[in-house]
């Protein structure tokens, strides 16, 4: 998936999510779908991951600010992201760091092998 911005200022800018597949026979990447992200809630925020055979994707909610929060979506095996179901929203206030601070903005969430990684912005 890619996230494409078209336009130069807040009045003319439009956002698009594009979906690609890799054709294993030709080893070429093919764009298969695109839709306009009018609400600014689908900017990719990490890799796809699987839990108990279900596939999930994460996306930034950027309707008010970049990295405002991260949505976790359950997706289908054909990655029809327009029909994805939102199953969670991660906010900075839901995370407490070891020194007691809470992140302001969340940018990325990834997990693999039982390890979770979150990229965030925090006040000093």
PDB file of N, CA and C in Angstrom:
ATOM      1  N   UNK A   1       0.831  -1.168   0.000  1.00  0.00           N
ATOM      2  CA  UNK A   1       0.000   0.000   0.000  1.00  0.00           C
ATOM      3  C   UNK A   1       0.880   1.237   0.000  1.00  0.00           C
ATOM      4  N   UNK A   2       0.412   2.264  -0.668  1.00  0.00           N
ATOM      5  CA  UNK A   2       1.082   3.558  -0.620  1.00  0.00           C
ATOM      6  C   UNK A   2       0.047   4.623  -0.304  1.00  0.00           C
ATOM      7  N   UNK A   3       0.546   5.750   0.153  1.00  0.00           N
ATOM      8  CA  UNK A   3      -0.302   6.894   0.465  1.00  0.00           C
ATOM      9  C   UNK A   3       0.233   8.054  -0.345  1.00  0.00           C
ATOM     10  N   UNK A   4      -0.606   8.621  -1.177  1.00  0.00           N
ATOM     11  CA  UNK A   4      -0.162   9.658  -2.103  1.00  0.00           C
ATOM     12  C   UNK A   4      -0.910  10.952  -1.811  1.00  0.00           C
ATOM     13  N   UNK A   5      -0.151  12.052  -1.777  1.00  0.00           N
ATOM     14  CA  UNK A   5      -0.724  13.373  -1.555  1.00  0.00           C
ATOM     15  C   UNK A   5      -0.653  14.161  -2.855  1.00  0.00           C
ATOM     16  N   UNK A   6      -1.774  14.766  -3.253  1.00  0.00           N
ATOM     17  CA  UNK A   6      -1.823  15.577  -4.463  1.00  0.00           C
ATOM     18  C   UNK A   6      -2.295  16.965  -4.061  1.00  0.00           C
ATOM     19  N   UNK A   7      -1.533  17.989  -4.412  1.00  0.00           N
ATOM     20  CA  UNK A   7      -1.880  19.358  -4.048  1.00  0.00           C
ATOM     21  C   UNK A   7      -0.790  19.980  -3.216  1.00  0.00           C
ATOM     22  N   UNK A   8      -0.870  21.289  -3.054  1.00  0.00           N
ATOM     23  CA  UNK A   8       0.224  22.000  -2.393  1.00  0.00           C
ATOM     24  C   UNK A   8      -0.165  22.715  -1.119  1.00  0.00           C
ATOM     25  N   UNK A   9      -1.443  22.892  -0.843  1.00  0.00           N
ATOM     26  CA  UNK A   9      -1.826  23.552   0.404  1.00  0.00           C
ATOM     27  C   UNK A   9      -3.081  22.898   0.966  1.00  0.00           C
ATOM     28  N   UNK A  10      -3.477  23.316   2.163  1.00  0.00           N
ATOM     29  CA  UNK A  10      -4.593  22.652   2.848  1.00  0.00           C
ATOM     30  C   UNK A  10      -5.922  22.804   2.121  1.00  0.00           C
ATOM     31  N   UNK A  11      -6.021  23.754   1.199  1.00  0.00           N
ATOM     32  CA  UNK A  11      -7.274  23.947   0.465  1.00  0.00           C
ATOM     33  C   UNK A  11      -7.377  23.039  -0.757  1.00  0.00           C
ATOM     34  N   UNK A  12      -6.249  22.671  -1.346  1.00  0.00           N
ATOM     35  CA  UNK A  12      -6.287  21.887  -2.585  1.00  0.00           C
ATOM     36  C   UNK A  12      -5.773  20.465  -2.434  1.00  0.00           C
ATOM     37  N   UNK A  13      -5.179  20.130  -1.295  1.00  0.00           N
ATOM     38  CA  UNK A  13      -4.554  18.818  -1.150  1.00  0.00           C
ATOM     39  C   UNK A  13      -5.610  17.710  -1.066  1.00  0.00           C
ATOM     40  N   UNK A  14      -5.318  16.592  -1.718  1.00  0.00           N
ATOM     41  CA  UNK A  14      -6.156  15.393  -1.677  1.00  0.00           C
ATOM     42  C   UNK A  14      -5.242  14.208  -1.385  1.00  0.00           C
ATOM     43  N   UNK A  15      -5.767  13.214  -0.682  1.00  0.00           N
ATOM     44  CA  UNK A  15      -4.987  12.049  -0.301  1.00  0.00           C
ATOM     45  C   UNK A  15      -5.595  10.797  -0.922  1.00  0.00           C
ATOM     46  N   UNK A  16      -4.714   9.908  -1.388  1.00  0.00           N
ATOM     47  CA  UNK A  16      -5.150   8.671  -2.024  1.00  0.00           C
ATOM     48  C   UNK A  16      -4.394   7.494  -1.427  1.00  0.00           C
ATOM     49  N   UNK A  17      -5.093   6.382  -1.233  1.00  0.00           N
ATOM     50  CA  UNK A  17      -4.479   5.127  -0.823  1.00  0.00           C
ATOM     51  C   UNK A  17      -4.476   4.230  -2.054  1.00  0.00           C
ATOM     52  N   UNK A  18      -3.312   3.647  -2.353  1.00  0.00           N
ATOM     53  CA  UNK A  18      -3.183   2.759  -3.506  1.00  0.00           C
ATOM     54  C   UNK A  18      -2.765   1.375  -3.029  1.00  0.00           C
ATOM     55  N   UNK A  19      -3.316   0.346  -3.653  1.00  0.00           N
ATOM     56  CA  UNK A  19      -2.981  -1.036  -3.298  1.00  0.00           C
ATOM     57  C   UNK A  19      -2.290  -1.685  -4.489  1.00  0.00           C
ATOM     58  N   UNK A  20      -1.204  -2.398  -4.219  1.00  0.00           N
ATOM     59  CA  UNK A  20      -0.416  -3.066  -5.250  1.00  0.00           C
ATOM     60  C   UNK A  20      -0.287  -4.544  -4.920  1.00  0.00           C
ATOM     61  N   UNK A  21      -0.049  -5.355  -5.952  1.00  0.00           N
ATOM     62  CA  UNK A  21       0.302  -6.762  -5.748  1.00  0.00           C
ATOM     63  C   UNK A  21       1.583  -7.050  -6.526  1.00  0.00           C
ATOM     64  N   UNK A  22       2.286  -8.061  -6.094  1.00  0.00           N
ATOM     65  CA  UNK A  22       3.478  -8.513  -6.807  1.00  0.00           C
ATOM     66  C   UNK A  22       3.092  -9.737  -7.623  1.00  0.00           C
ATOM     67  N   UNK A  23       3.179  -9.625  -8.936  1.00  0.00           N
ATOM     68  CA  UNK A  23       2.923 -10.751  -9.833  1.00  0.00           C
ATOM     69  C   UNK A  23       4.164 -11.642  -9.792  1.00  0.00           C
ATOM     70  N   UNK A  24       4.038 -12.813  -9.179  1.00  0.00           N
ATOM     71  CA  UNK A  24       5.188 -13.696  -8.993  1.00  0.00           C
ATOM     72  C   UNK A  24       5.672 -14.306 -10.307  1.00  0.00           C
ATOM     73  N   UNK A  25       4.838 -14.337 -11.328  1.00  0.00           N
ATOM     74  CA  UNK A  25       5.258 -14.873 -12.629  1.00  0.00           C
ATOM     75  C   UNK A  25       6.149 -13.892 -13.381  1.00  0.00           C
ATOM     76  N   UNK A  26       5.767 -12.625 -13.349  1.00  0.00           N
ATOM     77  CA  UNK A  26       6.541 -11.613 -14.086  1.00  0.00           C
ATOM     78  C   UNK A  26       7.474 -10.818 -13.185  1.00  0.00           C
ATOM     79  N   UNK A  27       7.306 -10.977 -11.866  1.00  0.00           N
ATOM     80  CA  UNK A  27       8.074 -10.221 -10.869  1.00  0.00           C
ATOM     81  C   UNK A  27       7.891  -8.712 -11.060  1.00  0.00           C
ATOM     82  N   UNK A  28       6.666  -8.326 -11.396  1.00  0.00           N
ATOM     83  CA  UNK A  28       6.334  -6.913 -11.553  1.00  0.00           C
ATOM     84  C   UNK A  28       5.274  -6.525 -10.532  1.00  0.00           C
ATOM     85  N   UNK A  29       5.371  -5.289 -10.066  1.00  0.00           N
ATOM     86  CA  UNK A  29       4.380  -4.756  -9.143  1.00  0.00           C
ATOM     87  C   UNK A  29       3.265  -4.121  -9.965  1.00  0.00           C
ATOM     88  N   UNK A  30       2.027  -4.487  -9.633  1.00  0.00           N
ATOM     89  CA  UNK A  30       0.871  -4.024 -10.389  1.00  0.00           C
ATOM     90  C   UNK A  30      -0.088  -3.297  -9.443  1.00  0.00           C
ATOM     91  N   UNK A  31      -0.482  -2.072  -9.812  1.00  0.00           N
ATOM     92  CA  UNK A  31      -1.471  -1.347  -9.019  1.00  0.00           C
ATOM     93  C   UNK A  31      -2.841  -1.952  -9.307  1.00  0.00           C
ATOM     94  N   UNK A  32      -3.561  -2.338  -8.248  1.00  0.00           N
ATOM     95  CA  UNK A  32      -4.845  -3.006  -8.431  1.00  0.00           C
ATOM     96  C   UNK A  32      -6.029  -2.199  -7.900  1.00  0.00           C
ATOM     97  N   UNK A  33      -5.774  -1.196  -7.089  1.00  0.00           N
ATOM     98  CA  UNK A  33      -6.886  -0.447  -6.515  1.00  0.00           C
ATOM     99  C   UNK A  33      -6.397   0.902  -6.006  1.00  0.00           C
ATOM    100  N   UNK A  34      -7.322   1.850  -5.948  1.00  0.00           N
ATOM    101  CA  UNK A  34      -7.009   3.168  -5.411  1.00  0.00           C
ATOM    102  C   UNK A  34      -8.310   3.787  -4.912  1.00  0.00           C
ATOM    103  N   UNK A  35      -8.238   4.503  -3.791  1.00  0.00           N
ATOM    104  CA  UNK A  35      -9.402   5.279  -3.381  1.00  0.00           C
ATOM    105  C   UNK A  35      -8.944   6.539  -2.667  1.00  0.00           C
ATOM    106  N   UNK A  36      -9.807   7.541  -2.692  1.00  0.00           N
ATOM    107  CA  UNK A  36      -9.487   8.816  -2.057  1.00  0.00           C
ATOM    108  C   UNK A  36      -9.785   8.718  -0.570  1.00  0.00           C
ATOM    109  N   UNK A  37      -8.829   9.136   0.233  1.00  0.00           N
ATOM    110  CA  UNK A  37      -8.953   9.108   1.690  1.00  0.00           C
ATOM    111  C   UNK A  37      -9.436  10.480   2.156  1.00  0.00           C
ATOM    112  N   UNK A  38     -10.725  10.725   2.053  1.00  0.00           N
ATOM    113  CA  UNK A  38     -11.286  12.042   2.374  1.00  0.00           C
ATOM    114  C   UNK A  38     -11.166  12.389   3.854  1.00  0.00           C
ATOM    115  N   UNK A  39     -11.197  11.389   4.722  1.00  0.00           N
ATOM    116  CA  UNK A  39     -11.145  11.643   6.166  1.00  0.00           C
ATOM    117  C   UNK A  39      -9.723  11.669   6.721  1.00  0.00           C
ATOM    118  N   UNK A  40      -8.734  11.361   5.906  1.00  0.00           N
ATOM    119  CA  UNK A  40      -7.325  11.301   6.322  1.00  0.00           C
ATOM    120  C   UNK A  40      -7.127  10.347   7.509  1.00  0.00           C
ATOM    121  N   UNK A  41      -7.592   9.114   7.338  1.00  0.00           N
ATOM    122  CA  UNK A  41      -7.469   8.127   8.414  1.00  0.00           C
ATOM    123  C   UNK A  41      -6.848   6.821   7.931  1.00  0.00           C
ATOM    124  N   UNK A  42      -6.180   6.825   6.803  1.00  0.00           N
ATOM    125  CA  UNK A  42      -5.643   5.571   6.263  1.00  0.00           C
ATOM    126  C   UNK A  42      -4.194   5.646   5.828  1.00  0.00           C
ATOM    127  N   UNK A  43      -3.446   6.618   6.309  1.00  0.00           N
ATOM    128  CA  UNK A  43      -2.024   6.683   5.989  1.00  0.00           C
ATOM    129  C   UNK A  43      -1.352   5.471   6.641  1.00  0.00           C
ATOM    130  N   UNK A  44      -0.644   4.623   5.886  1.00  0.00           N
ATOM    131  CA  UNK A  44      -0.022   3.433   6.473  1.00  0.00           C
ATOM    132  C   UNK A  44       0.851   3.779   7.687  1.00  0.00           C
ATOM    133  N   UNK A  45       0.744   2.946   8.732  1.00  0.00           N
ATOM    134  CA  UNK A  45       1.470   3.204   9.974  1.00  0.00           C
ATOM    135  C   UNK A  45       2.288   2.003  10.419  1.00  0.00           C
ATOM    136  N   UNK A  46       2.606   1.108   9.512  1.00  0.00           N
ATOM    137  CA  UNK A  46       3.396  -0.063   9.864  1.00  0.00           C
ATOM    138  C   UNK A  46       3.058  -1.228   8.952  1.00  0.00           C
ATOM    139  N   UNK A  47       3.721  -2.329   9.188  1.00  0.00           N
ATOM    140  CA  UNK A  47       3.544  -3.531   8.364  1.00  0.00           C
ATOM    141  C   UNK A  47       2.274  -4.282   8.740  1.00  0.00           C
ATOM    142  N   UNK A  48       1.772  -5.063   7.796  1.00  0.00           N
ATOM    143  CA  UNK A  48       0.682  -5.985   8.102  1.00  0.00           C
ATOM    144  C   UNK A  48       1.194  -7.001   9.117  1.00  0.00           C
ATOM    145  N   UNK A  49       0.298  -7.500   9.970  1.00  0.00           N
ATOM    146  CA  UNK A  49       0.691  -8.562  10.895  1.00  0.00           C
ATOM    147  C   UNK A  49      -0.472  -9.521  11.065  1.00  0.00           C
ATOM    148  N   UNK A  50      -0.168 -10.701  11.575  1.00  0.00           N
ATOM    149  CA  UNK A  50      -1.167 -11.751  11.714  1.00  0.00           C
ATOM    150  C   UNK A  50      -1.237 -12.210  13.164  1.00  0.00           C
ATOM    151  N   UNK A  51      -2.457 -12.411  13.653  1.00  0.00           N
ATOM    152  CA  UNK A  51      -2.696 -12.958  14.985  1.00  0.00           C
ATOM    153  C   UNK A  51      -3.791 -14.010  14.840  1.00  0.00           C
ATOM    154  N   UNK A  52      -3.503 -15.237  15.266  1.00  0.00           N
ATOM    155  CA  UNK A  52      -4.466 -16.343  15.186  1.00  0.00           C
ATOM    156  C   UNK A  52      -5.066 -16.492  13.789  1.00  0.00           C
ATOM    157  N   UNK A  53      -4.235 -16.336  12.764  1.00  0.00           N
ATOM    158  CA  UNK A  53      -4.676 -16.516  11.387  1.00  0.00           C
ATOM    159  C   UNK A  53      -5.414 -15.333  10.781  1.00  0.00           C
ATOM    160  N   UNK A  54      -5.669 -14.296  11.563  1.00  0.00           N
ATOM    161  CA  UNK A  54      -6.334 -13.090  11.057  1.00  0.00           C
ATOM    162  C   UNK A  54      -5.266 -12.063  10.670  1.00  0.00           C
ATOM    163  N   UNK A  55      -5.532 -11.303   9.611  1.00  0.00           N
ATOM    164  CA  UNK A  55      -4.576 -10.309   9.125  1.00  0.00           C
ATOM    165  C   UNK A  55      -5.028  -8.920   9.563  1.00  0.00           C
ATOM    166  N   UNK A  56      -4.072  -8.146  10.062  1.00  0.00           N
ATOM    167  CA  UNK A  56      -4.354  -6.792  10.534  1.00  0.00           C
ATOM    168  C   UNK A  56      -3.426  -5.802   9.840  1.00  0.00           C
ATOM    169  N   UNK A  57      -3.929  -4.576   9.683  1.00  0.00           N
ATOM    170  CA  UNK A  57      -3.101  -3.489   9.185  1.00  0.00           C
ATOM    171  C   UNK A  57      -3.301  -2.297  10.104  1.00  0.00           C
ATOM    172  N   UNK A  58      -2.315  -1.429  10.151  1.00  0.00           N
ATOM    173  CA  UNK A  58      -2.399  -0.236  10.985  1.00  0.00           C
ATOM    174  C   UNK A  58      -2.344   0.998  10.102  1.00  0.00           C
ATOM    175  N   UNK A  59      -3.076   2.028  10.523  1.00  0.00           N
ATOM    176  CA  UNK A  59      -3.140   3.266   9.749  1.00  0.00           C
ATOM    177  C   UNK A  59      -3.177   4.454  10.701  1.00  0.00           C
ATOM    178  N   UNK A  60      -2.547   5.538  10.273  1.00  0.00           N
ATOM    179  CA  UNK A  60      -2.568   6.753  11.080  1.00  0.00           C
ATOM    180  C   UNK A  60      -3.883   7.490  10.896  1.00  0.00           C
ATOM    181  N   UNK A  61      -4.388   8.000  11.985  1.00  0.00           N
ATOM    182  CA  UNK A  61      -5.497   8.950  11.919  1.00  0.00           C
ATOM    183  C   UNK A  61      -4.844  10.328  11.890  1.00  0.00           C
ATOM    184  N   UNK A  62      -5.028  11.041  10.803  1.00  0.00           N
ATOM    185  CA  UNK A  62      -4.393  12.357  10.627  1.00  0.00           C
ATOM    186  C   UNK A  62      -5.422  13.444  10.336  1.00  0.00           C
ATOM    187  N   UNK A  63      -6.654  13.277  10.818  1.00  0.00           N
ATOM    188  CA  UNK A  63      -7.697  14.246  10.480  1.00  0.00           C
ATOM    189  C   UNK A  63      -7.461  15.602  11.133  1.00  0.00           C
ATOM    190  N   UNK A  64      -6.878  15.638  12.328  1.00  0.00           N
ATOM    191  CA  UNK A  64      -6.567  16.914  12.989  1.00  0.00           C
ATOM    192  C   UNK A  64      -5.076  17.186  13.056  1.00  0.00           C
ATOM    193  N   UNK A  65      -4.274  16.131  13.157  1.00  0.00           N
ATOM    194  CA  UNK A  65      -2.819  16.303  13.265  1.00  0.00           C
ATOM    195  C   UNK A  65      -2.128  15.037  12.784  1.00  0.00           C
ATOM    196  N   UNK A  66      -0.924  15.189  12.253  1.00  0.00           N
ATOM    197  CA  UNK A  66      -0.125  14.045  11.812  1.00  0.00           C
ATOM    198  C   UNK A  66       0.177  13.175  13.023  1.00  0.00           C
ATOM    199  N   UNK A  67      -0.161  11.893  12.945  1.00  0.00           N
ATOM    200  CA  UNK A  67       0.128  10.976  14.042  1.00  0.00           C
ATOM    201  C   UNK A  67      -0.812  11.113  15.224  1.00  0.00           C
ATOM    202  N   UNK A  68      -1.998  11.650  14.988  1.00  0.00           N
ATOM    203  CA  UNK A  68      -2.988  11.868  16.047  1.00  0.00           C
ATOM    204  C   UNK A  68      -3.276  10.580  16.825  1.00  0.00           C
ATOM    205  N   UNK A  69      -3.440   9.474  16.111  1.00  0.00           N
ATOM    206  CA  UNK A  69      -3.609   8.160  16.729  1.00  0.00           C
ATOM    207  C   UNK A  69      -3.399   7.109  15.642  1.00  0.00           C
ATOM    208  N   UNK A  70      -3.440   5.851  16.046  1.00  0.00           N
ATOM    209  CA  UNK A  70      -3.272   4.750  15.097  1.00  0.00           C
ATOM    210  C   UNK A  70      -4.486   3.838  15.195  1.00  0.00           C
ATOM    211  N   UNK A  71      -5.091   3.556  14.046  1.00  0.00           N
ATOM    212  CA  UNK A  71      -6.189   2.601  13.975  1.00  0.00           C
ATOM    213  C   UNK A  71      -5.623   1.231  13.626  1.00  0.00           C
ATOM    214  N   UNK A  72      -6.189   0.195  14.237  1.00  0.00           N
ATOM    215  CA  UNK A  72      -5.870  -1.187  13.879  1.00  0.00           C
ATOM    216  C   UNK A  72      -7.103  -1.736  13.162  1.00  0.00           C
ATOM    217  N   UNK A  73      -6.891  -2.196  11.935  1.00  0.00           N
ATOM    218  CA  UNK A  73      -7.979  -2.736  11.114  1.00  0.00           C
ATOM    219  C   UNK A  73      -7.769  -4.229  10.885  1.00  0.00           C
ATOM    220  N   UNK A  74      -8.857  -4.997  10.986  1.00  0.00           N
ATOM    221  CA  UNK A  74      -8.849  -6.401  10.568  1.00  0.00           C
ATOM    222  C   UNK A  74      -9.173  -6.384   9.080  1.00  0.00           C
ATOM    223  N   UNK A  75      -8.340  -7.033   8.278  1.00  0.00           N
ATOM    224  CA  UNK A  75      -8.530  -7.009   6.834  1.00  0.00           C
ATOM    225  C   UNK A  75      -8.781  -8.415   6.308  1.00  0.00           C
ATOM    226  N   UNK A  76      -9.274  -8.489   5.109  1.00  0.00           N
ATOM    227  CA  UNK A  76      -9.558  -9.790   4.501  1.00  0.00           C
ATOM    228  C   UNK A  76      -8.313 -10.319   3.795  1.00  0.00           C
ATOM    229  N   UNK A  77      -8.358 -11.562   3.427  1.00  0.00           N
ATOM    230  CA  UNK A  77      -7.203 -12.180   2.767  1.00  0.00           C
ATOM    231  C   UNK A  77      -6.897 -11.552   1.408  1.00  0.00           C
ATOM    232  N   UNK A  78      -7.901 -10.915   0.777  1.00  0.00           N
ATOM    233  CA  UNK A  78      -7.647 -10.245  -0.505  1.00  0.00           C
ATOM    234  C   UNK A  78      -7.340  -8.756  -0.315  1.00  0.00           C
ATOM    235  N   UNK A  79      -7.200  -8.337   0.954  1.00  0.00           N
ATOM    236  CA  UNK A  79      -6.809  -6.965   1.298  1.00  0.00           C
ATOM    237  C   UNK A  79      -7.747  -5.922   0.697  1.00  0.00           C
ATOM    238  N   UNK A  80      -9.041  -6.175   0.799  1.00  0.00           N
ATOM    239  CA  UNK A  80     -10.037  -5.214   0.328  1.00  0.00           C
ATOM    240  C   UNK A  80     -10.215  -4.164   1.421  1.00  0.00           C
ATOM    241  N   UNK A  81      -9.268  -3.214   1.495  1.00  0.00           N
ATOM    242  CA  UNK A  81      -9.204  -2.318   2.637  1.00  0.00           C
ATOM    243  C   UNK A  81     -10.386  -1.379   2.770  1.00  0.00           C
ATOM    244  N   UNK A  82     -11.201  -1.228   1.763  1.00  0.00           N
ATOM    245  CA  UNK A  82     -12.397  -0.398   1.898  1.00  0.00           C
ATOM    246  C   UNK A  82     -13.387  -1.062   2.856  1.00  0.00           C
ATOM    247  N   UNK A  83     -13.370  -2.393   2.927  1.00  0.00           N
ATOM    248  CA  UNK A  83     -14.280  -3.139   3.801  1.00  0.00           C
ATOM    249  C   UNK A  83     -13.631  -3.535   5.129  1.00  0.00           C
ATOM    250  N   UNK A  84     -12.419  -3.076   5.400  1.00  0.00           N
ATOM    251  CA  UNK A  84     -11.742  -3.426   6.648  1.00  0.00           C
ATOM    252  C   UNK A  84     -12.559  -2.989   7.860  1.00  0.00           C
ATOM    253  N   UNK A  85     -12.426  -3.753   8.944  1.00  0.00           N
ATOM    254  CA  UNK A  85     -13.146  -3.445  10.177  1.00  0.00           C
ATOM    255  C   UNK A  85     -12.164  -2.891  11.209  1.00  0.00           C
ATOM    256  N   UNK A  86     -12.452  -1.692  11.715  1.00  0.00           N
ATOM    257  CA  UNK A  86     -11.599  -1.102  12.755  1.00  0.00           C
ATOM    258  C   UNK A  86     -11.837  -1.864  14.060  1.00  0.00           C
ATOM    259  N   UNK A  87     -10.751  -2.386  14.652  1.00  0.00           N
ATOM    260  CA  UNK A  87     -10.885  -3.167  15.883  1.00  0.00           C
ATOM    261  C   UNK A  87     -10.253  -2.482  17.091  1.00  0.00           C
ATOM    262  N   UNK A  88      -9.428  -1.450  16.858  1.00  0.00           N
ATOM    263  CA  UNK A  88      -8.801  -0.748  17.979  1.00  0.00           C
ATOM    264  C   UNK A  88      -8.284   0.612  17.519  1.00  0.00           C
ATOM    265  N   UNK A  89      -8.131   1.496  18.483  1.00  0.00           N
ATOM    266  CA  UNK A  89      -7.483   2.784  18.238  1.00  0.00           C
ATOM    267  C   UNK A  89      -6.444   2.986  19.334  1.00  0.00           C
ATOM    268  N   UNK A  90      -5.197   3.167  18.944  1.00  0.00           N
ATOM    269  CA  UNK A  90      -4.113   3.421  19.886  1.00  0.00           C
ATOM    270  C   UNK A  90      -3.873   4.922  19.952  1.00  0.00           C
ATOM    271  N   UNK A  91      -3.878   5.466  21.160  1.00  0.00           N
ATOM    272  CA  UNK A  91      -3.576   6.882  21.349  1.00  0.00           C
ATOM    273  C   UNK A  91      -2.382   7.008  22.277  1.00  0.00           C
ATOM    274  N   UNK A  92      -1.741   8.155  22.245  1.00  0.00           N
ATOM    275  CA  UNK A  92      -0.614   8.382  23.145  1.00  0.00           C
ATOM    276  C   UNK A  92      -1.014   8.257  24.603  1.00  0.00           C
ATOM    277  N   UNK A  93      -2.239   8.659  24.925  1.00  0.00           N
ATOM    278  CA  UNK A  93      -2.711   8.598  26.303  1.00  0.00           C
ATOM    279  C   UNK A  93      -2.925   7.166  26.785  1.00  0.00           C
ATOM    280  N   UNK A  94      -2.977   6.205  25.864  1.00  0.00           N
ATOM    281  CA  UNK A  94      -3.168   4.805  26.255  1.00  0.00           C
ATOM    282  C   UNK A  94      -1.843   4.101  26.535  1.00  0.00           C
ATOM    283  N   UNK A  95      -0.725   4.821  26.375  1.00  0.00           N
ATOM    284  CA  UNK A  95       0.604   4.242  26.569  1.00  0.00           C
ATOM    285  C   UNK A  95       1.324   5.010  27.670  1.00  0.00           C
ATOM    286  N   UNK A  96       1.899   4.299  28.630  1.00  0.00           N
ATOM    287  CA  UNK A  96       2.684   4.936  29.682  1.00  0.00           C
ATOM    288  C   UNK A  96       4.117   4.437  29.563  1.00  0.00           C
ATOM    289  N   UNK A  97       5.055   5.378  29.385  1.00  0.00           N
ATOM    290  CA  UNK A  97       6.470   5.022  29.268  1.00  0.00           C
ATOM    291  C   UNK A  97       7.042   4.684  30.637  1.00  0.00           C
ATOM    292  N   UNK A  98       8.218   4.083  30.668  1.00  0.00           N
ATOM    293  CA  UNK A  98       8.825   3.651  31.932  1.00  0.00           C
ATOM    294  C   UNK A  98       9.076   4.816  32.889  1.00  0.00           C
ATOM    295  N   UNK A  99       9.222   6.049  32.358  1.00  0.00           N
ATOM    296  CA  UNK A  99       9.434   7.210  33.233  1.00  0.00           C
ATOM    297  C   UNK A  99       8.128   7.942  33.561  1.00  0.00           C
ATOM    298  N   UNK A 100       6.991   7.349  33.184  1.00  0.00           N
ATOM    299  CA  UNK A 100       5.688   7.915  33.512  1.00  0.00           C
ATOM    300  C   UNK A 100       5.099   8.850  32.465  1.00  0.00           C
ATOM    301  N   UNK A 101       5.893   9.247  31.474  1.00  0.00           N
ATOM    302  CA  UNK A 101       5.379  10.141  30.433  1.00  0.00           C
ATOM    303  C   UNK A 101       4.459   9.386  29.484  1.00  0.00           C
ATOM    304  N   UNK A 102       3.612  10.157  28.792  1.00  0.00           N
ATOM    305  CA  UNK A 102       2.732   9.586  27.771  1.00  0.00           C
ATOM    306  C   UNK A 102       3.039  10.258  26.438  1.00  0.00           C
ATOM    307  N   UNK A 103       3.114   9.496  25.356  1.00  0.00           N
ATOM    308  CA  UNK A 103       3.374  10.085  24.039  1.00  0.00           C
ATOM    309  C   UNK A 103       2.290  11.083  23.637  1.00  0.00           C
ATOM    310  N   UNK A 104       2.701  12.054  22.825  1.00  0.00           N
ATOM    311  CA  UNK A 104       1.769  13.043  22.280  1.00  0.00           C
ATOM    312  C   UNK A 104       1.182  12.526  20.972  1.00  0.00           C
ATOM    313  N   UNK A 105       2.047  12.043  20.087  1.00  0.00           N
ATOM    314  CA  UNK A 105       1.640  11.572  18.765  1.00  0.00           C
ATOM    315  C   UNK A 105       2.211  10.184  18.512  1.00  0.00           C
ATOM    316  N   UNK A 106       1.468   9.345  17.802  1.00  0.00           N
ATOM    317  CA  UNK A 106       1.932   8.010  17.422  1.00  0.00           C
ATOM    318  C   UNK A 106       2.057   7.955  15.911  1.00  0.00           C
ATOM    319  N   UNK A 107       3.172   7.433  15.421  1.00  0.00           N
ATOM    320  CA  UNK A 107       3.421   7.407  13.980  1.00  0.00           C
ATOM    321  C   UNK A 107       3.403   6.001  13.398  1.00  0.00           C
ATOM    322  N   UNK A 108       3.951   5.024  14.133  1.00  0.00           N
ATOM    323  CA  UNK A 108       4.132   3.690  13.573  1.00  0.00           C
ATOM    324  C   UNK A 108       3.915   2.634  14.649  1.00  0.00           C
ATOM    325  N   UNK A 109       3.308   1.517  14.250  1.00  0.00           N
ATOM    326  CA  UNK A 109       3.165   0.362  15.120  1.00  0.00           C
ATOM    327  C   UNK A 109       3.530  -0.874  14.314  1.00  0.00           C
ATOM    328  N   UNK A 110       4.407  -1.697  14.859  1.00  0.00           N
ATOM    329  CA  UNK A 110       4.779  -2.958  14.213  1.00  0.00           C
ATOM    330  C   UNK A 110       4.920  -4.033  15.280  1.00  0.00           C
ATOM    331  N   UNK A 111       4.752  -5.275  14.860  1.00  0.00           N
ATOM    332  CA  UNK A 111       4.988  -6.389  15.775  1.00  0.00           C
ATOM    333  C   UNK A 111       5.446  -7.600  14.988  1.00  0.00           C
ATOM    334  N   UNK A 112       6.329  -8.352  15.624  1.00  0.00           N
ATOM    335  CA  UNK A 112       6.828  -9.597  15.032  1.00  0.00           C
ATOM    336  C   UNK A 112       7.513 -10.395  16.130  1.00  0.00           C
ATOM    337  N   UNK A 113       7.313 -11.682  16.125  1.00  0.00           N
ATOM    338  CA  UNK A 113       7.988 -12.553  17.078  1.00  0.00           C
ATOM    339  C   UNK A 113       7.747 -12.192  18.531  1.00  0.00           C
ATOM    340  N   UNK A 114       6.567 -11.681  18.849  1.00  0.00           N
ATOM    341  CA  UNK A 114       6.244 -11.329  20.226  1.00  0.00           C
ATOM    342  C   UNK A 114       6.787  -9.992  20.684  1.00  0.00           C
ATOM    343  N   UNK A 115       7.379  -9.232  19.782  1.00  0.00           N
ATOM    344  CA  UNK A 115       7.921  -7.911  20.122  1.00  0.00           C
ATOM    345  C   UNK A 115       7.090  -6.843  19.421  1.00  0.00           C
ATOM    346  N   UNK A 116       6.704  -5.806  20.179  1.00  0.00           N
ATOM    347  CA  UNK A 116       5.974  -4.677  19.615  1.00  0.00           C
ATOM    348  C   UNK A 116       6.894  -3.462  19.568  1.00  0.00           C
ATOM    349  N   UNK A 117       6.776  -2.685  18.494  1.00  0.00           N
ATOM    350  CA  UNK A 117       7.564  -1.461  18.344  1.00  0.00           C
ATOM    351  C   UNK A 117       6.603  -0.328  18.012  1.00  0.00           C
ATOM    352  N   UNK A 118       6.703   0.780  18.760  1.00  0.00           N
ATOM    353  CA  UNK A 118       5.866   1.950  18.519  1.00  0.00           C
ATOM    354  C   UNK A 118       6.776   3.160  18.360  1.00  0.00           C
ATOM    355  N   UNK A 119       6.586   3.890  17.264  1.00  0.00           N
ATOM    356  CA  UNK A 119       7.320   5.133  17.022  1.00  0.00           C
ATOM    357  C   UNK A 119       6.394   6.267  17.455  1.00  0.00           C
ATOM    358  N   UNK A 120       6.875   7.113  18.351  1.00  0.00           N
ATOM    359  CA  UNK A 120       6.025   8.157  18.910  1.00  0.00           C
ATOM    360  C   UNK A 120       6.800   9.452  19.108  1.00  0.00           C
ATOM    361  N   UNK A 121       6.050  10.510  19.399  1.00  0.00           N
ATOM    362  CA  UNK A 121       6.648  11.796  19.768  1.00  0.00           C
ATOM    363  C   UNK A 121       6.188  12.099  21.180  1.00  0.00           C
ATOM    364  N   UNK A 122       7.132  12.574  21.998  1.00  0.00           N
ATOM    365  CA  UNK A 122       6.839  12.789  23.406  1.00  0.00           C
ATOM    366  C   UNK A 122       7.494  14.083  23.873  1.00  0.00           C
ATOM    367  N   UNK A 123       6.878  14.766  24.828  1.00  0.00           N
ATOM    368  CA  UNK A 123       7.496  15.955  25.419  1.00  0.00           C
ATOM    369  C   UNK A 123       8.669  15.537  26.293  1.00  0.00           C
ATOM    370  N   UNK A 124       9.668  16.387  26.361  1.00  0.00           N
ATOM    371  CA  UNK A 124      10.831  16.086  27.210  1.00  0.00           C
ATOM    372  C   UNK A 124      10.571  16.423  28.652  1.00  0.00           C
TER     373      UNK A 124
END
